[in-house]
Structure formats: structure tokens, C-alpha cells
PDB file of N, CA and C in Angstrom:
ATOM      1  N   MET A   1      18.273 -58.054 -11.953  1.00  0.00           N
ATOM      2  CA  MET A   1      17.719 -57.591 -12.858  1.00  0.00           C
ATOM      3  C   MET A   1      16.735 -56.855 -12.859  1.00  0.00           C
ATOM      4  N   THR A   2      16.074 -57.054 -12.064  1.00  0.00           N
ATOM      5  CA  THR A   2      14.862 -56.231 -11.567  1.00  0.00           C
ATOM      6  C   THR A   2      15.111 -54.693 -11.528  1.00  0.00           C
ATOM      7  N   CYS A   3      16.365 -54.767 -10.899  1.00  0.00           N
ATOM      8  CA  CYS A   3      16.505 -52.742 -10.596  1.00  0.00           C
ATOM      9  C   CYS A   3      16.440 -52.131 -12.065  1.00  0.00           C
ATOM     10  N   ALA A   4      17.481 -53.045 -13.067  1.00  0.00           N
ATOM     11  CA  ALA A   4      17.593 -52.239 -14.377  1.00  0.00           C
ATOM     12  C   ALA A   4      16.233 -52.032 -15.119  1.00  0.00           C
ATOM     13  N   GLY A   5      15.354 -53.116 -14.729  1.00  0.00           N
ATOM     14  CA  GLY A   5      14.242 -52.917 -15.401  1.00  0.00           C
ATOM     15  C   GLY A   5      13.065 -51.910 -14.733  1.00  0.00           C
ATOM     16  N   SER A   6      13.241 -51.751 -13.896  1.00  0.00           N
ATOM     17  CA  SER A   6      12.588 -50.730 -12.900  1.00  0.00           C
ATOM     18  C   SER A   6      13.005 -49.530 -13.298  1.00  0.00           C
ATOM     19  N   THR A   7      14.456 -49.079 -13.459  1.00  0.00           N
ATOM     20  CA  THR A   7      14.962 -48.031 -13.843  1.00  0.00           C
ATOM     21  C   THR A   7      14.517 -47.734 -15.248  1.00  0.00           C
ATOM     22  N   PHE A   8      14.524 -48.529 -16.363  1.00  0.00           N
ATOM     23  CA  PHE A   8      14.051 -48.296 -17.796  1.00  0.00           C
ATOM     24  C   PHE A   8      12.517 -47.835 -17.591  1.00  0.00           C
ATOM     25  N   THR A   9      11.687 -48.601 -16.692  1.00  0.00           N
ATOM     26  CA  THR A   9      10.553 -48.320 -16.679  1.00  0.00           C
ATOM     27  C   THR A   9      10.318 -46.737 -16.007  1.00  0.00           C
ATOM     28  N   SER A  10      10.870 -46.648 -15.492  1.00  0.00           N
ATOM     29  CA  SER A  10      10.909 -45.019 -14.799  1.00  0.00           C
ATOM     30  C   SER A  10      11.529 -44.267 -15.720  1.00  0.00           C
ATOM     31  N   THR A  11      12.575 -44.332 -16.379  1.00  0.00           N
ATOM     32  CA  THR A  11      12.922 -43.431 -17.396  1.00  0.00           C
ATOM     33  C   THR A  11      11.825 -43.122 -18.503  1.00  0.00           C
ATOM     34  N   VAL A  12      11.369 -44.449 -19.000  1.00  0.00           N
ATOM     35  CA  VAL A  12       9.861 -44.192 -19.955  1.00  0.00           C
ATOM     36  C   VAL A  12       8.836 -43.438 -19.622  1.00  0.00           C
ATOM     37  N   ASP A  13       8.583 -43.709 -18.269  1.00  0.00           N
ATOM     38  CA  ASP A  13       7.304 -42.778 -17.646  1.00  0.00           C
ATOM     39  C   ASP A  13       8.037 -41.086 -17.369  1.00  0.00           C
ATOM     40  N   GLN A  14       9.148 -40.780 -17.538  1.00  0.00           N
ATOM     41  CA  GLN A  14       9.530 -39.889 -17.248  1.00  0.00           C
ATOM     42  C   GLN A  14       9.586 -38.923 -18.508  1.00  0.00           C
ATOM     43  N   ILE A  15       9.861 -39.779 -19.943  1.00  0.00           N
ATOM     44  CA  ILE A  15       9.975 -39.219 -21.039  1.00  0.00           C
ATOM     45  C   ILE A  15       8.328 -38.987 -21.323  1.00  0.00           C
ATOM     46  N   PHE A  16       7.460 -40.200 -20.863  1.00  0.00           N
ATOM     47  CA  PHE A  16       6.445 -39.814 -21.463  1.00  0.00           C
ATOM     48  C   PHE A  16       5.679 -38.840 -20.829  1.00  0.00           C
ATOM     49  N   THR A  17       5.348 -38.475 -19.433  1.00  0.00           N
ATOM     50  CA  THR A  17       5.383 -37.391 -18.972  1.00  0.00           C
ATOM     51  C   THR A  17       5.997 -36.177 -19.429  1.00  0.00           C
ATOM     52  N   ALA A  18       7.223 -36.046 -19.617  1.00  0.00           N
ATOM     53  CA  ALA A  18       7.423 -34.547 -20.330  1.00  0.00           C
ATOM     54  C   ALA A  18       6.877 -34.495 -21.604  1.00  0.00           C
ATOM     55  N   LEU A  19       6.713 -35.560 -22.543  1.00  0.00           N
ATOM     56  CA  LEU A  19       6.302 -35.291 -23.842  1.00  0.00           C
ATOM     57  C   LEU A  19       4.419 -34.788 -23.813  1.00  0.00           C
ATOM     58  N   MET A  20       3.835 -35.640 -22.612  1.00  0.00           N
ATOM     59  CA  MET A  20       2.419 -35.230 -22.326  1.00  0.00           C
ATOM     60  C   MET A  20       2.381 -33.594 -21.913  1.00  0.00           C
ATOM     61  N   ASN A  21       3.277 -33.331 -21.021  1.00  0.00           N
ATOM     62  CA  ASN A  21       3.581 -31.952 -20.718  1.00  0.00           C
ATOM     63  C   ASN A  21       3.839 -30.879 -21.668  1.00  0.00           C
ATOM     64  N   ILE A  22       4.438 -31.296 -22.627  1.00  0.00           N
ATOM     65  CA  ILE A  22       4.672 -30.415 -24.125  1.00  0.00           C
ATOM     66  C   ILE A  22       3.416 -30.420 -24.669  1.00  0.00           C
ATOM     67  N   LEU A  23       2.732 -31.458 -24.851  1.00  0.00           N
ATOM     68  CA  LEU A  23       1.639 -31.451 -25.776  1.00  0.00           C
ATOM     69  C   LEU A  23       0.410 -30.612 -25.135  1.00  0.00           C
ATOM     70  N   ILE A  24       0.373 -30.803 -23.877  1.00  0.00           N
ATOM     71  CA  ILE A  24      -0.292 -29.736 -23.235  1.00  0.00           C
ATOM     72  C   ILE A  24      -0.218 -28.521 -23.278  1.00  0.00           C
ATOM     73  N   ILE A  25       0.941 -27.823 -23.023  1.00  0.00           N
ATOM     74  CA  ILE A  25       1.145 -26.543 -23.246  1.00  0.00           C
ATOM     75  C   ILE A  25       1.149 -26.070 -24.476  1.00  0.00           C
ATOM     76  N   THR A  26       1.655 -27.125 -25.820  1.00  0.00           N
ATOM     77  CA  THR A  26       1.338 -26.746 -27.002  1.00  0.00           C
ATOM     78  C   THR A  26      -0.170 -26.338 -27.246  1.00  0.00           C
ATOM     79  N   ALA A  27      -0.970 -27.354 -26.941  1.00  0.00           N
ATOM     80  CA  ALA A  27      -2.453 -26.920 -27.079  1.00  0.00           C
ATOM     81  C   ALA A  27      -2.860 -25.723 -26.527  1.00  0.00           C
ATOM     82  N   VAL A  28      -2.787 -25.371 -25.009  1.00  0.00           N
ATOM     83  CA  VAL A  28      -3.116 -24.237 -24.509  1.00  0.00           C
ATOM     84  C   VAL A  28      -2.654 -23.047 -25.361  1.00  0.00           C
ATOM     85  N   ILE A  29      -1.185 -22.918 -25.583  1.00  0.00           N
ATOM     86  CA  ILE A  29      -0.953 -21.864 -26.496  1.00  0.00           C
ATOM     87  C   ILE A  29      -1.558 -21.886 -27.728  1.00  0.00           C
ATOM     88  N   SER A  30      -1.674 -23.086 -28.461  1.00  0.00           N
ATOM     89  CA  SER A  30      -2.622 -22.573 -29.781  1.00  0.00           C
ATOM     90  C   SER A  30      -3.975 -22.405 -29.838  1.00  0.00           C
ATOM     91  N   LEU A  31      -4.740 -22.765 -28.646  1.00  0.00           N
ATOM     92  CA  LEU A  31      -6.276 -22.321 -28.415  1.00  0.00           C
ATOM     93  C   LEU A  31      -6.063 -20.976 -27.987  1.00  0.00           C
ATOM     94  N   PHE A  32      -4.875 -20.068 -27.269  1.00  0.00           N
ATOM     95  CA  PHE A  32      -5.056 -18.670 -26.592  1.00  0.00           C
ATOM     96  C   PHE A  32      -4.670 -18.150 -28.172  1.00  0.00           C
ATOM     97  N   ILE A  33      -3.815 -18.734 -29.294  1.00  0.00           N
ATOM     98  CA  ILE A  33      -3.577 -17.798 -30.201  1.00  0.00           C
ATOM     99  C   ILE A  33      -4.907 -17.695 -31.098  1.00  0.00           C
ATOM    100  N   ALA A  34      -5.676 -19.046 -31.237  1.00  0.00           N
ATOM    101  CA  ALA A  34      -6.887 -19.253 -31.981  1.00  0.00           C
ATOM    102  C   ALA A  34      -8.003 -18.082 -31.153  1.00  0.00           C
ATOM    103  N   ALA A  35      -7.898 -17.712 -30.141  1.00  0.00           N
ATOM    104  CA  ALA A  35      -8.871 -16.785 -29.459  1.00  0.00           C
ATOM    105  C   ALA A  35      -8.456 -15.490 -29.911  1.00  0.00           C
ATOM    106  N   LEU A  36      -7.217 -15.368 -29.780  1.00  0.00           N
ATOM    107  CA  LEU A  36      -6.653 -13.681 -30.360  1.00  0.00           C
ATOM    108  C   LEU A  36      -7.313 -13.959 -32.049  1.00  0.00           C
ATOM    109  N   PHE A  37      -6.983 -14.474 -32.516  1.00  0.00           N
ATOM    110  CA  PHE A  37      -7.265 -14.530 -33.723  1.00  0.00           C
ATOM    111  C   PHE A  37      -8.802 -14.025 -34.181  1.00  0.00           C
ATOM    112  N   LEU A  38      -9.862 -14.784 -33.197  1.00  0.00           N
ATOM    113  CA  LEU A  38     -11.219 -14.919 -33.252  1.00  0.00           C
ATOM    114  C   LEU A  38     -11.756 -13.317 -32.821  1.00  0.00           C
ATOM    115  N   VAL A  39     -10.928 -12.802 -31.573  1.00  0.00           N
ATOM    116  CA  VAL A  39     -11.059 -11.442 -31.307  1.00  0.00           C
ATOM    117  C   VAL A  39     -10.986 -10.324 -32.158  1.00  0.00           C
ATOM    118  N   ALA A  40      -9.657 -10.478 -32.995  1.00  0.00           N
ATOM    119  CA  ALA A  40      -9.159  -9.692 -34.012  1.00  0.00           C
ATOM    120  C   ALA A  40     -10.492  -9.672 -35.126  1.00  0.00           C
ATOM    121  N   LEU A  41     -10.771 -10.881 -35.459  1.00  0.00           N
ATOM    122  CA  LEU A  41     -11.612 -10.769 -36.823  1.00  0.00           C
ATOM    123  C   LEU A  41     -12.854 -10.255 -36.117  1.00  0.00           C
ATOM    124  N   ILE A  42     -13.751 -10.336 -34.797  1.00  0.00           N
ATOM    125  CA  ILE A  42     -14.966  -9.710 -34.367  1.00  0.00           C
ATOM    126  C   ILE A  42     -14.645  -8.227 -34.455  1.00  0.00           C
ATOM    127  N   TRP A  43     -13.568  -7.965 -34.047  1.00  0.00           N
ATOM    128  CA  TRP A  43     -13.061  -6.293 -33.717  1.00  0.00           C
ATOM    129  C   TRP A  43     -13.307  -5.689 -35.136  1.00  0.00           C
ATOM    130  N   SER A  44     -12.595  -6.333 -35.907  1.00  0.00           N
ATOM    131  CA  SER A  44     -12.222  -5.762 -37.508  1.00  0.00           C
ATOM    132  C   SER A  44     -13.608  -5.830 -38.134  1.00  0.00           C
ATOM    133  N   ILE A  45     -14.662  -6.500 -38.092  1.00  0.00           N
ATOM    134  CA  ILE A  45     -15.948  -6.916 -38.520  1.00  0.00           C
ATOM    135  C   ILE A  45     -16.777  -5.630 -37.626  1.00  0.00           C
ATOM    136  N   LYS A  46     -16.614  -5.608 -36.578  1.00  0.00           N
ATOM    137  CA  LYS A  46     -17.432  -4.328 -35.854  1.00  0.00           C
ATOM    138  C   LYS A  46     -16.849  -3.159 -36.219  1.00  0.00           C
ATOM    139  N   ASP A  47     -15.523  -3.097 -36.439  1.00  0.00           N
ATOM    140  CA  ASP A  47     -15.032  -1.874 -37.061  1.00  0.00           C
ATOM    141  C   ASP A  47     -15.336  -1.402 -38.273  1.00  0.00           C
ATOM    142  N   GLY A  48     -16.028  -2.090 -39.084  1.00  0.00           N
ATOM    143  CA  GLY A  48     -16.130  -1.795 -40.294  1.00  0.00           C
ATOM    144  C   GLY A  48     -15.102  -2.010 -41.404  1.00  0.00           C
ATOM    145  N   GLN A  49     -14.010  -2.935 -41.049  1.00  0.00           N
ATOM    146  CA  GLN A  49     -12.994  -3.277 -41.926  1.00  0.00           C
ATOM    147  C   GLN A  49     -13.432  -3.900 -43.336  1.00  0.00           C
ATOM    148  N   PHE A  50     -14.785  -4.490 -43.312  1.00  0.00           N
ATOM    149  CA  PHE A  50     -15.065  -5.385 -44.268  1.00  0.00           C
ATOM    150  C   PHE A  50     -16.420  -4.768 -45.165  1.00  0.00           C
ATOM    151  N   ASP A  51     -16.356  -3.814 -44.739  1.00  0.00           N
ATOM    152  CA  ASP A  51     -17.635  -2.846 -45.371  1.00  0.00           C
ATOM    153  C   ASP A  51     -16.870  -2.313 -46.928  1.00  0.00           C
ATOM    154  N   ASP A  52     -18.252  -2.623 -47.866  1.00  0.00           N
ATOM    155  CA  ASP A  52     -17.840  -2.334 -49.150  1.00  0.00           C
ATOM    156  C   ASP A  52     -17.836  -0.689 -49.308  1.00  0.00           C
ATOM    157  N   ALA A  53     -16.730  -0.278 -49.652  1.00  0.00           N
ATOM    158  CA  ALA A  53     -16.564   1.203 -50.161  1.00  0.00           C
ATOM    159  C   ALA A  53     -16.460   1.435 -51.594  1.00  0.00           C
ATOM    160  N   TYR A  54     -16.497   0.423 -52.261  1.00  0.00           N
ATOM    161  CA  TYR A  54     -16.380   0.509 -53.658  1.00  0.00           C
ATOM    162  C   TYR A  54     -17.800   0.617 -54.606  1.00  0.00           C
ATOM    163  N   ALA A  55     -18.581  -0.405 -53.982  1.00  0.00           N
ATOM    164  CA  ALA A  55     -19.553  -0.470 -54.805  1.00  0.00           C
ATOM    165  C   ALA A  55     -20.989   0.701 -54.735  1.00  0.00           C
ATOM    166  N   PRO A  56     -21.017   1.128 -53.630  1.00  0.00           N
ATOM    167  CA  PRO A  56     -22.183   2.259 -53.390  1.00  0.00           C
ATOM    168  C   PRO A  56     -21.837   3.222 -54.229  1.00  0.00           C
ATOM    169  N   PRO A  57     -20.774   3.981 -54.617  1.00  0.00           N
ATOM    170  CA  PRO A  57     -20.573   4.927 -55.396  1.00  0.00           C
ATOM    171  C   PRO A  57     -20.823   4.373 -56.816  1.00  0.00           C
ATOM    172  N   ASN A  58     -20.481   3.186 -57.337  1.00  0.00           N
ATOM    173  CA  ASN A  58     -20.773   2.952 -58.619  1.00  0.00           C
ATOM    174  C   ASN A  58     -22.244   2.249 -58.777  1.00  0.00           C
ATOM    175  N   ARG A  59     -22.919   2.199 -57.404  1.00  0.00           N
ATOM    176  CA  ARG A  59     -24.253   1.598 -57.760  1.00  0.00           C
ATOM    177  C   ARG A  59     -25.029   3.192 -58.021  1.00  0.00           C
ATOM    178  N   ILE A  60     -24.758   4.077 -57.297  1.00  0.00           N
ATOM    179  CA  ILE A  60     -25.125   5.382 -57.925  1.00  0.00           C
ATOM    180  C   ILE A  60     -25.208   5.796 -59.404  1.00  0.00           C
ATOM    181  N   LEU A  61     -24.073   5.545 -59.801  1.00  0.00           N
ATOM    182  CA  LEU A  61     -23.690   6.132 -61.171  1.00  0.00           C
ATOM    183  C   LEU A  61     -24.691   4.971 -62.184  1.00  0.00           C
ATOM    184  N   PHE A  62     -24.658   3.609 -61.995  1.00  0.00           N
ATOM    185  CA  PHE A  62     -25.479   2.781 -62.743  1.00  0.00           C
ATOM    186  C   PHE A  62     -26.955   3.130 -62.573  1.00  0.00           C
ATOM    187  N   ASP A  63     -27.336   3.686 -61.357  1.00  0.00           N
ATOM    188  CA  ASP A  63     -28.865   3.951 -60.932  1.00  0.00           C
ATOM    189  C   ASP A  63     -29.294   5.006 -61.753  1.00  0.00           C
ATOM    190  N   GLU A  64     -28.425   5.978 -62.180  1.00  0.00           N
ATOM    191  CA  GLU A  64     -28.599   7.268 -62.770  1.00  0.00           C
ATOM    192  C   GLU A  64     -28.799   6.793 -64.638  1.00  0.00           C
ATOM    193  N   LYS A  65     -28.017   5.958 -64.841  1.00  0.00           N
ATOM    194  CA  LYS A  65     -28.129   5.508 -66.214  1.00  0.00           C
ATOM    195  C   LYS A  65     -29.596   4.324 -66.676  1.00  0.00           C
ATOM    196  N   ASN A  66     -29.947   4.050 -65.436  1.00  0.00           N
ATOM    197  CA  ASN A  66     -30.897   3.261 -65.267  1.00  0.00           C
ATOM    198  C   ASN A  66     -32.251   4.070 -65.528  1.00  0.00           C
ATOM    199  N   ASN A  67     -32.353   5.079 -64.716  1.00  0.00           N
ATOM    200  CA  ASN A  67     -33.269   6.248 -64.713  1.00  0.00           C
ATOM    201  C   ASN A  67     -33.427   6.876 -65.729  1.00  0.00           C
ATOM    202  N   GLN A  68     -32.177   7.185 -66.674  1.00  0.00           N
ATOM    203  CA  GLN A  68     -32.551   7.873 -67.953  1.00  0.00           C
ATOM    204  C   GLN A  68     -32.981   6.814 -69.193  1.00  0.00           C
ATOM    205  N   HIS A  69     -32.701   5.592 -69.126  1.00  0.00           N
ATOM    206  CA  HIS A  69     -33.442   4.712 -69.942  1.00  0.00           C
ATOM    207  C   HIS A  69     -34.940   4.612 -69.651  1.00  0.00           C
ATOM    208  N   ASN A  70     -35.340   4.756 -68.700  1.00  0.00           N
ATOM    209  CA  ASN A  70     -36.562   4.658 -68.110  1.00  0.00           C
ATOM    210  C   ASN A  70     -37.616   5.814 -68.501  1.00  0.00           C
ATOM    211  N   LYS A  71     -37.183   6.555 -68.669  1.00  0.00           N
ATOM    212  CA  LYS A  71     -37.847   8.147 -68.709  1.00  0.00           C
ATOM    213  C   LYS A  71     -38.243   8.081 -70.422  1.00  0.00           C
TER     214      LYS A  71
END
């Protein structure tokens, strides 16, 4: 009976070790993907992807209307 108990414990330990390895690999992969998204975000901000191209032309138009009312 002792042999069967140690075999069961050994099998459980192997399964636990395999699951922990999978968890560690998954965590490392997810951190790598998150770092890639962070780099892409920083790159797009520096490249001007989020600059407002619509408001400045409209602001010029509204400024002219305000200047005409002030005169």
C-alpha cells in the first residue's frame, strides 16, 4: 500500500508541476504581449497618430466670426 500511495503522490506532483509550468509560460507570454501594446501606444503617440486634425481648421473659422462681431 505504501508503493501505491507514493505513486499517487508522485503523479499529483507531476501534474502540479506541469500546471505551474503552463501558468508561468502563460504569464510570461501575456506580459510580452502587454509590453508590445505599450510600445505600440508610445510609438503612435510620438508619431502624432492622436493629434487633432479636425479642430484647428474649425477654430480658425470660428475665430474669424468672433473677430467680425468684435469690430
